[in-house]
């Protein structure tokens, strides 16, 4: 049996989460609910839960304040947030489990199943530090990449390009390093929306700061690592406009 608690200053949200759990996860026991940071800290210390559903913005502080007040975080964590699109990108690229308000039941169930299916409890301290940094920035400063050993955090400024390889994506990093990730290029598409990254071709996403040359003959980009990335006819005008600003 997995013990869980809910910390959220909205009663409707607390009750809704409890309802979803009771109807879909018989092996999870809700052992308490709290409506503030102070109450949440007390409840965690009393219950020692396996799983915490945590709101971010509460009347007496934030979910981060709560976490910083706990010396030991021996529980898994799912943030429940009403943050905007930019903040959701920060969550996505920090390898932190989250659900967006208003809560979609299927999204919530997927987040819980993801946590329950983990082979072991992952230490969240570094992911949380990255999340806080990304939330303060207009674009993610670091991206969490799943690797065999766990999770690697890479500075987005050091990424030269992403290249689709079927169901996988090859990430090229400064220094000639290449990382192969079992995620599709589409899962990195949030990066395309900010001013640093651009999609010159359906199979590539590039860091504009690593473009050395645009070669007209053959229409391709020469990157800082020496790689050549095709620039499709449909994306050529957009690329030239961005690089001219």
C-alpha atoms as a PDB file:
ATOM      1  CA  UNK A   1       0.000   0.000   0.000  1.00  0.00           C
ATOM      2  CA  UNK A   2       1.307   3.433  -1.004  1.00  0.00           C
ATOM      3  CA  UNK A   3       0.574   6.222   1.457  1.00  0.00           C
ATOM      4  CA  UNK A   4      -0.081   9.658  -0.019  1.00  0.00           C
ATOM      5  CA  UNK A   5      -0.998  13.141   1.155  1.00  0.00           C
ATOM      6  CA  UNK A   6      -2.450  16.157  -0.656  1.00  0.00           C
ATOM      7  CA  UNK A   7      -1.235  19.697   0.032  1.00  0.00           C
ATOM      8  CA  UNK A   8      -3.284  22.372  -1.738  1.00  0.00           C
ATOM      9  CA  UNK A   9      -4.981  25.537  -0.495  1.00  0.00           C
ATOM     10  CA  UNK A  10      -8.058  24.909  -2.670  1.00  0.00           C
ATOM     11  CA  UNK A  11     -10.557  22.527  -1.084  1.00  0.00           C
ATOM     12  CA  UNK A  12     -12.066  21.645  -4.475  1.00  0.00           C
ATOM     13  CA  UNK A  13      -8.651  20.618  -5.748  1.00  0.00           C
ATOM     14  CA  UNK A  14      -7.931  18.502  -2.657  1.00  0.00           C
ATOM     15  CA  UNK A  15     -11.282  16.753  -2.915  1.00  0.00           C
ATOM     16  CA  UNK A  16     -10.946  16.229  -6.679  1.00  0.00           C
ATOM     17  CA  UNK A  17      -7.505  14.633  -6.320  1.00  0.00           C
ATOM     18  CA  UNK A  18      -8.768  12.377  -3.545  1.00  0.00           C
ATOM     19  CA  UNK A  19     -11.723  11.330  -5.722  1.00  0.00           C
ATOM     20  CA  UNK A  20      -9.476  10.421  -8.668  1.00  0.00           C
ATOM     21  CA  UNK A  21      -7.205   8.394  -6.411  1.00  0.00           C
ATOM     22  CA  UNK A  22     -10.053   6.535  -4.691  1.00  0.00           C
ATOM     23  CA  UNK A  23     -11.661   5.581  -8.014  1.00  0.00           C
ATOM     24  CA  UNK A  24      -8.543   4.591  -9.916  1.00  0.00           C
ATOM     25  CA  UNK A  25      -5.781   3.594  -7.510  1.00  0.00           C
ATOM     26  CA  UNK A  26      -6.978   1.176  -4.799  1.00  0.00           C
ATOM     27  CA  UNK A  27      -3.383   0.603  -3.675  1.00  0.00           C
ATOM     28  CA  UNK A  28      -2.916   4.273  -2.770  1.00  0.00           C
ATOM     29  CA  UNK A  29      -4.178   5.412   0.613  1.00  0.00           C
ATOM     30  CA  UNK A  30      -4.738   9.130   1.171  1.00  0.00           C
ATOM     31  CA  UNK A  31      -3.415   9.529   4.712  1.00  0.00           C
ATOM     32  CA  UNK A  32      -4.103  13.222   5.097  1.00  0.00           C
ATOM     33  CA  UNK A  33      -4.745  16.578   3.456  1.00  0.00           C
ATOM     34  CA  UNK A  34      -3.329  20.017   4.214  1.00  0.00           C
ATOM     35  CA  UNK A  35      -4.248  23.513   3.018  1.00  0.00           C
ATOM     36  CA  UNK A  36      -1.040  25.433   3.683  1.00  0.00           C
ATOM     37  CA  UNK A  37       2.739  25.207   3.755  1.00  0.00           C
ATOM     38  CA  UNK A  38       2.823  25.060   7.554  1.00  0.00           C
ATOM     39  CA  UNK A  39       0.144  22.360   7.730  1.00  0.00           C
ATOM     40  CA  UNK A  40       1.862  20.448   4.942  1.00  0.00           C
ATOM     41  CA  UNK A  41       5.201  20.337   6.756  1.00  0.00           C
ATOM     42  CA  UNK A  42       3.512  19.048   9.906  1.00  0.00           C
ATOM     43  CA  UNK A  43       1.567  16.436   7.956  1.00  0.00           C
ATOM     44  CA  UNK A  44       4.641  15.137   6.128  1.00  0.00           C
ATOM     45  CA  UNK A  45       6.510  14.786   9.424  1.00  0.00           C
ATOM     46  CA  UNK A  46       3.561  12.966  10.987  1.00  0.00           C
ATOM     47  CA  UNK A  47       2.698  10.603   8.142  1.00  0.00           C
ATOM     48  CA  UNK A  48       6.058  10.032   6.370  1.00  0.00           C
ATOM     49  CA  UNK A  49       4.204   9.528   3.050  1.00  0.00           C
ATOM     50  CA  UNK A  50       5.455   7.679  -0.002  1.00  0.00           C
ATOM     51  CA  UNK A  51       3.872  10.208  -2.349  1.00  0.00           C
ATOM     52  CA  UNK A  52       2.995  13.909  -2.025  1.00  0.00           C
ATOM     53  CA  UNK A  53       0.670  15.881  -4.291  1.00  0.00           C
ATOM     54  CA  UNK A  54       1.885  19.449  -3.864  1.00  0.00           C
ATOM     55  CA  UNK A  55       0.414  22.763  -4.947  1.00  0.00           C
ATOM     56  CA  UNK A  56       2.929  25.509  -5.731  1.00  0.00           C
ATOM     57  CA  UNK A  57       1.206  28.792  -4.903  1.00  0.00           C
ATOM     58  CA  UNK A  58      -0.464  28.794  -1.480  1.00  0.00           C
ATOM     59  CA  UNK A  59      -1.603  31.524   0.888  1.00  0.00           C
ATOM     60  CA  UNK A  60       1.382  31.249   3.263  1.00  0.00           C
ATOM     61  CA  UNK A  61       4.125  30.460   0.750  1.00  0.00           C
ATOM     62  CA  UNK A  62       5.050  28.089  -2.046  1.00  0.00           C
ATOM     63  CA  UNK A  63       5.626  24.397  -2.487  1.00  0.00           C
ATOM     64  CA  UNK A  64       9.320  25.204  -2.786  1.00  0.00           C
ATOM     65  CA  UNK A  65       9.249  26.822   0.663  1.00  0.00           C
ATOM     66  CA  UNK A  66       7.783  23.612   2.019  1.00  0.00           C
ATOM     67  CA  UNK A  67      10.429  21.431   0.393  1.00  0.00           C
ATOM     68  CA  UNK A  68      13.271  23.636   1.604  1.00  0.00           C
ATOM     69  CA  UNK A  69      11.981  23.280   5.175  1.00  0.00           C
ATOM     70  CA  UNK A  70      12.337  19.495   5.017  1.00  0.00           C
ATOM     71  CA  UNK A  71      15.860  18.127   5.552  1.00  0.00           C
ATOM     72  CA  UNK A  72      14.853  14.697   4.237  1.00  0.00           C
ATOM     73  CA  UNK A  73      12.599  14.285   1.233  1.00  0.00           C
ATOM     74  CA  UNK A  74      12.045  10.538   1.319  1.00  0.00           C
ATOM     75  CA  UNK A  75       8.956  10.634  -0.846  1.00  0.00           C
ATOM     76  CA  UNK A  76       8.002  10.928  -4.476  1.00  0.00           C
ATOM     77  CA  UNK A  77       6.450  14.157  -5.593  1.00  0.00           C
ATOM     78  CA  UNK A  78       3.870  15.332  -8.112  1.00  0.00           C
ATOM     79  CA  UNK A  79       3.378  19.083  -8.426  1.00  0.00           C
ATOM     80  CA  UNK A  80      -0.156  20.283  -9.120  1.00  0.00           C
ATOM     81  CA  UNK A  81       0.187  23.688 -10.733  1.00  0.00           C
ATOM     82  CA  UNK A  82      -1.852  26.450 -12.331  1.00  0.00           C
ATOM     83  CA  UNK A  83       1.298  27.933 -13.861  1.00  0.00           C
ATOM     84  CA  UNK A  84       1.329  29.296 -17.400  1.00  0.00           C
ATOM     85  CA  UNK A  85       2.759  27.787 -20.589  1.00  0.00           C
ATOM     86  CA  UNK A  86       6.272  29.101 -19.998  1.00  0.00           C
ATOM     87  CA  UNK A  87       6.358  27.559 -16.520  1.00  0.00           C
ATOM     88  CA  UNK A  88       5.071  24.234 -17.821  1.00  0.00           C
ATOM     89  CA  UNK A  89       8.073  24.165 -20.170  1.00  0.00           C
ATOM     90  CA  UNK A  90      10.313  24.604 -17.137  1.00  0.00           C
ATOM     91  CA  UNK A  91       8.662  21.616 -15.464  1.00  0.00           C
ATOM     92  CA  UNK A  92       8.949  19.498 -18.576  1.00  0.00           C
ATOM     93  CA  UNK A  93      12.649  20.145 -19.056  1.00  0.00           C
ATOM     94  CA  UNK A  94      13.533  19.673 -15.366  1.00  0.00           C
ATOM     95  CA  UNK A  95      12.416  16.031 -15.092  1.00  0.00           C
ATOM     96  CA  UNK A  96       9.877  16.864 -12.387  1.00  0.00           C
ATOM     97  CA  UNK A  97       6.473  15.177 -12.358  1.00  0.00           C
ATOM     98  CA  UNK A  98       3.571  17.623 -12.598  1.00  0.00           C
ATOM     99  CA  UNK A  99      -0.112  18.032 -13.429  1.00  0.00           C
ATOM    100  CA  UNK A 100      -1.615  21.282 -14.708  1.00  0.00           C
ATOM    101  CA  UNK A 101      -4.772  22.862 -13.272  1.00  0.00           C
ATOM    102  CA  UNK A 102      -7.590  22.575 -14.159  1.00  0.00           C
ATOM    103  CA  UNK A 103      -6.784  18.915 -13.636  1.00  0.00           C
ATOM    104  CA  UNK A 104      -7.397  16.575 -16.546  1.00  0.00           C
ATOM    105  CA  UNK A 105      -8.191  13.118 -15.135  1.00  0.00           C
ATOM    106  CA  UNK A 106      -6.236  11.197 -17.789  1.00  0.00           C
ATOM    107  CA  UNK A 107      -3.174  13.438 -17.385  1.00  0.00           C
ATOM    108  CA  UNK A 108      -3.385  12.981 -13.633  1.00  0.00           C
ATOM    109  CA  UNK A 109      -3.652   9.202 -13.919  1.00  0.00           C
ATOM    110  CA  UNK A 110      -0.661   9.107 -16.276  1.00  0.00           C
ATOM    111  CA  UNK A 111       1.444  11.126 -13.840  1.00  0.00           C
ATOM    112  CA  UNK A 112       0.557   8.809 -10.947  1.00  0.00           C
ATOM    113  CA  UNK A 113       1.212   5.665 -12.983  1.00  0.00           C
ATOM    114  CA  UNK A 114       4.580   7.062 -14.037  1.00  0.00           C
ATOM    115  CA  UNK A 115       5.557   7.475 -10.394  1.00  0.00           C
ATOM    116  CA  UNK A 116       4.219   4.073  -9.351  1.00  0.00           C
ATOM    117  CA  UNK A 117       6.070   2.320 -12.174  1.00  0.00           C
ATOM    118  CA  UNK A 118       9.465   3.676 -11.198  1.00  0.00           C
ATOM    119  CA  UNK A 119      11.831   0.926 -10.081  1.00  0.00           C
ATOM    120  CA  UNK A 120      13.199   3.065  -7.303  1.00  0.00           C
ATOM    121  CA  UNK A 121      12.703   6.444  -5.693  1.00  0.00           C
ATOM    122  CA  UNK A 122      14.611   9.070  -7.647  1.00  0.00           C
ATOM    123  CA  UNK A 123      16.416  11.768  -5.733  1.00  0.00           C
ATOM    124  CA  UNK A 124      14.719  15.021  -6.669  1.00  0.00           C
ATOM    125  CA  UNK A 125      17.079  17.622  -5.179  1.00  0.00           C
ATOM    126  CA  UNK A 126      18.949  18.416  -8.404  1.00  0.00           C
ATOM    127  CA  UNK A 127      15.789  18.306 -10.513  1.00  0.00           C
ATOM    128  CA  UNK A 128      14.142  20.774  -8.128  1.00  0.00           C
ATOM    129  CA  UNK A 129      17.136  23.112  -8.272  1.00  0.00           C
ATOM    130  CA  UNK A 130      17.029  23.029 -12.073  1.00  0.00           C
ATOM    131  CA  UNK A 131      13.279  23.634 -12.013  1.00  0.00           C
ATOM    132  CA  UNK A 132      13.653  26.744  -9.850  1.00  0.00           C
ATOM    133  CA  UNK A 133      16.351  28.112 -12.163  1.00  0.00           C
ATOM    134  CA  UNK A 134      14.254  27.414 -15.259  1.00  0.00           C
ATOM    135  CA  UNK A 135      11.195  29.083 -13.734  1.00  0.00           C
ATOM    136  CA  UNK A 136      13.196  32.278 -13.208  1.00  0.00           C
ATOM    137  CA  UNK A 137      14.428  32.307 -16.806  1.00  0.00           C
ATOM    138  CA  UNK A 138      12.576  33.180 -20.024  1.00  0.00           C
ATOM    139  CA  UNK A 139      13.859  29.938 -21.550  1.00  0.00           C
ATOM    140  CA  UNK A 140      15.087  26.743 -19.871  1.00  0.00           C
ATOM    141  CA  UNK A 141      18.714  27.117 -18.768  1.00  0.00           C
ATOM    142  CA  UNK A 142      19.187  23.377 -18.468  1.00  0.00           C
ATOM    143  CA  UNK A 143      17.406  20.378 -19.900  1.00  0.00           C
ATOM    144  CA  UNK A 144      17.062  17.017 -18.170  1.00  0.00           C
ATOM    145  CA  UNK A 145      18.049  14.126 -20.421  1.00  0.00           C
ATOM    146  CA  UNK A 146      17.296  10.505 -19.457  1.00  0.00           C
ATOM    147  CA  UNK A 147      20.436   8.364 -19.744  1.00  0.00           C
ATOM    148  CA  UNK A 148      21.255   4.781 -18.736  1.00  0.00           C
ATOM    149  CA  UNK A 149      22.627   5.847 -15.371  1.00  0.00           C
ATOM    150  CA  UNK A 150      19.693   8.138 -14.543  1.00  0.00           C
ATOM    151  CA  UNK A 151      19.249  11.776 -15.582  1.00  0.00           C
ATOM    152  CA  UNK A 152      21.867  14.118 -17.032  1.00  0.00           C
ATOM    153  CA  UNK A 153      21.409  17.890 -16.894  1.00  0.00           C
ATOM    154  CA  UNK A 154      22.767  19.746 -19.913  1.00  0.00           C
ATOM    155  CA  UNK A 155      23.009  23.509 -20.342  1.00  0.00           C
ATOM    156  CA  UNK A 156      20.835  24.477 -23.284  1.00  0.00           C
ATOM    157  CA  UNK A 157      23.511  26.946 -24.434  1.00  0.00           C
ATOM    158  CA  UNK A 158      25.898  24.035 -25.011  1.00  0.00           C
ATOM    159  CA  UNK A 159      23.471  22.160 -27.282  1.00  0.00           C
ATOM    160  CA  UNK A 160      24.399  22.531 -30.943  1.00  0.00           C
ATOM    161  CA  UNK A 161      21.460  20.669 -32.464  1.00  0.00           C
ATOM    162  CA  UNK A 162      18.864  17.907 -32.217  1.00  0.00           C
ATOM    163  CA  UNK A 163      18.484  15.361 -35.004  1.00  0.00           C
ATOM    164  CA  UNK A 164      15.567  12.959 -35.433  1.00  0.00           C
ATOM    165  CA  UNK A 165      16.515   9.311 -35.807  1.00  0.00           C
ATOM    166  CA  UNK A 166      13.250   7.363 -36.013  1.00  0.00           C
ATOM    167  CA  UNK A 167      11.854   7.053 -32.501  1.00  0.00           C
ATOM    168  CA  UNK A 168      15.116   8.408 -31.121  1.00  0.00           C
ATOM    169  CA  UNK A 169      16.761  11.821 -31.057  1.00  0.00           C
ATOM    170  CA  UNK A 170      20.460  12.508 -31.341  1.00  0.00           C
ATOM    171  CA  UNK A 171      21.597  15.496 -29.292  1.00  0.00           C
ATOM    172  CA  UNK A 172      24.849  17.116 -30.384  1.00  0.00           C
ATOM    173  CA  UNK A 173      26.683  19.028 -27.659  1.00  0.00           C
ATOM    174  CA  UNK A 174      29.728  21.298 -27.715  1.00  0.00           C
ATOM    175  CA  UNK A 175      33.005  19.390 -27.789  1.00  0.00           C
ATOM    176  CA  UNK A 176      31.777  16.844 -30.312  1.00  0.00           C
ATOM    177  CA  UNK A 177      29.726  14.840 -27.824  1.00  0.00           C
ATOM    178  CA  UNK A 178      26.595  13.018 -29.009  1.00  0.00           C
ATOM    179  CA  UNK A 179      23.767  11.711 -26.819  1.00  0.00           C
ATOM    180  CA  UNK A 180      21.074   9.368 -28.130  1.00  0.00           C
ATOM    181  CA  UNK A 181      17.739   9.651 -26.325  1.00  0.00           C
ATOM    182  CA  UNK A 182      14.707   7.390 -26.689  1.00  0.00           C
ATOM    183  CA  UNK A 183      12.393  10.340 -27.299  1.00  0.00           C
ATOM    184  CA  UNK A 184      11.113  11.681 -30.587  1.00  0.00           C
ATOM    185  CA  UNK A 185      12.195  15.065 -31.892  1.00  0.00           C
ATOM    186  CA  UNK A 186       8.634  16.254 -31.336  1.00  0.00           C
ATOM    187  CA  UNK A 187       9.113  15.938 -27.577  1.00  0.00           C
ATOM    188  CA  UNK A 188      11.791  18.631 -27.763  1.00  0.00           C
ATOM    189  CA  UNK A 189       9.651  20.991 -29.824  1.00  0.00           C
ATOM    190  CA  UNK A 190       9.089  23.404 -26.937  1.00  0.00           C
ATOM    191  CA  UNK A 191      12.641  24.589 -27.498  1.00  0.00           C
ATOM    192  CA  UNK A 192      11.708  25.659 -31.011  1.00  0.00           C
ATOM    193  CA  UNK A 193       9.427  28.355 -29.637  1.00  0.00           C
ATOM    194  CA  UNK A 194      12.080  30.481 -27.973  1.00  0.00           C
ATOM    195  CA  UNK A 195      14.504  32.860 -29.626  1.00  0.00           C
ATOM    196  CA  UNK A 196      17.523  30.555 -29.322  1.00  0.00           C
ATOM    197  CA  UNK A 197      16.325  27.451 -31.172  1.00  0.00           C
ATOM    198  CA  UNK A 198      14.967  27.063 -34.690  1.00  0.00           C
ATOM    199  CA  UNK A 199      13.654  24.183 -36.796  1.00  0.00           C
ATOM    200  CA  UNK A 200      15.312  24.468 -40.248  1.00  0.00           C
ATOM    201  CA  UNK A 201      14.122  21.049 -41.393  1.00  0.00           C
ATOM    202  CA  UNK A 202      11.566  18.483 -40.253  1.00  0.00           C
ATOM    203  CA  UNK A 203      14.328  16.274 -38.849  1.00  0.00           C
ATOM    204  CA  UNK A 204      16.419  18.960 -37.146  1.00  0.00           C
ATOM    205  CA  UNK A 205      16.278  21.581 -34.412  1.00  0.00           C
ATOM    206  CA  UNK A 206      19.300  23.863 -34.111  1.00  0.00           C
ATOM    207  CA  UNK A 207      20.749  26.332 -31.653  1.00  0.00           C
ATOM    208  CA  UNK A 208      21.026  29.574 -33.627  1.00  0.00           C
ATOM    209  CA  UNK A 209      24.030  30.632 -31.557  1.00  0.00           C
ATOM    210  CA  UNK A 210      25.954  27.690 -33.009  1.00  0.00           C
ATOM    211  CA  UNK A 211      25.339  28.534 -36.686  1.00  0.00           C
ATOM    212  CA  UNK A 212      28.615  29.478 -38.377  1.00  0.00           C
ATOM    213  CA  UNK A 213      27.490  29.806 -41.997  1.00  0.00           C
ATOM    214  CA  UNK A 214      24.517  29.568 -44.315  1.00  0.00           C
ATOM    215  CA  UNK A 215      25.624  27.883 -47.533  1.00  0.00           C
ATOM    216  CA  UNK A 216      23.319  28.887 -50.406  1.00  0.00           C
ATOM    217  CA  UNK A 217      24.491  26.169 -52.789  1.00  0.00           C
ATOM    218  CA  UNK A 218      22.770  23.076 -51.491  1.00  0.00           C
ATOM    219  CA  UNK A 219      20.940  25.176 -48.861  1.00  0.00           C
ATOM    220  CA  UNK A 220      22.433  23.982 -45.608  1.00  0.00           C
ATOM    221  CA  UNK A 221      23.806  25.407 -42.360  1.00  0.00           C
ATOM    222  CA  UNK A 222      27.338  24.840 -41.175  1.00  0.00           C
ATOM    223  CA  UNK A 223      27.293  24.440 -37.403  1.00  0.00           C
ATOM    224  CA  UNK A 224      30.013  25.179 -34.853  1.00  0.00           C
ATOM    225  CA  UNK A 225      30.807  21.468 -34.466  1.00  0.00           C
ATOM    226  CA  UNK A 226      31.404  21.115 -38.220  1.00  0.00           C
ATOM    227  CA  UNK A 227      28.099  19.371 -38.920  1.00  0.00           C
ATOM    228  CA  UNK A 228      25.930  20.314 -41.890  1.00  0.00           C
ATOM    229  CA  UNK A 229      22.193  20.755 -41.300  1.00  0.00           C
ATOM    230  CA  UNK A 230      19.779  21.057 -44.239  1.00  0.00           C
ATOM    231  CA  UNK A 231      17.668  24.207 -44.524  1.00  0.00           C
ATOM    232  CA  UNK A 232      14.390  23.455 -46.269  1.00  0.00           C
ATOM    233  CA  UNK A 233      12.955  25.858 -48.804  1.00  0.00           C
ATOM    234  CA  UNK A 234       9.908  26.543 -46.617  1.00  0.00           C
ATOM    235  CA  UNK A 235      12.039  27.528 -43.618  1.00  0.00           C
ATOM    236  CA  UNK A 236      14.699  29.528 -45.485  1.00  0.00           C
ATOM    237  CA  UNK A 237      12.954  32.907 -45.307  1.00  0.00           C
ATOM    238  CA  UNK A 238      12.176  32.504 -41.606  1.00  0.00           C
ATOM    239  CA  UNK A 239      15.788  31.622 -40.854  1.00  0.00           C
ATOM    240  CA  UNK A 240      17.180  34.586 -42.774  1.00  0.00           C
ATOM    241  CA  UNK A 241      14.713  36.948 -41.047  1.00  0.00           C
ATOM    242  CA  UNK A 242      15.617  35.705 -37.568  1.00  0.00           C
ATOM    243  CA  UNK A 243      19.352  35.899 -38.213  1.00  0.00           C
ATOM    244  CA  UNK A 244      18.997  39.429 -39.640  1.00  0.00           C
ATOM    245  CA  UNK A 245      17.282  40.862 -36.543  1.00  0.00           C
END
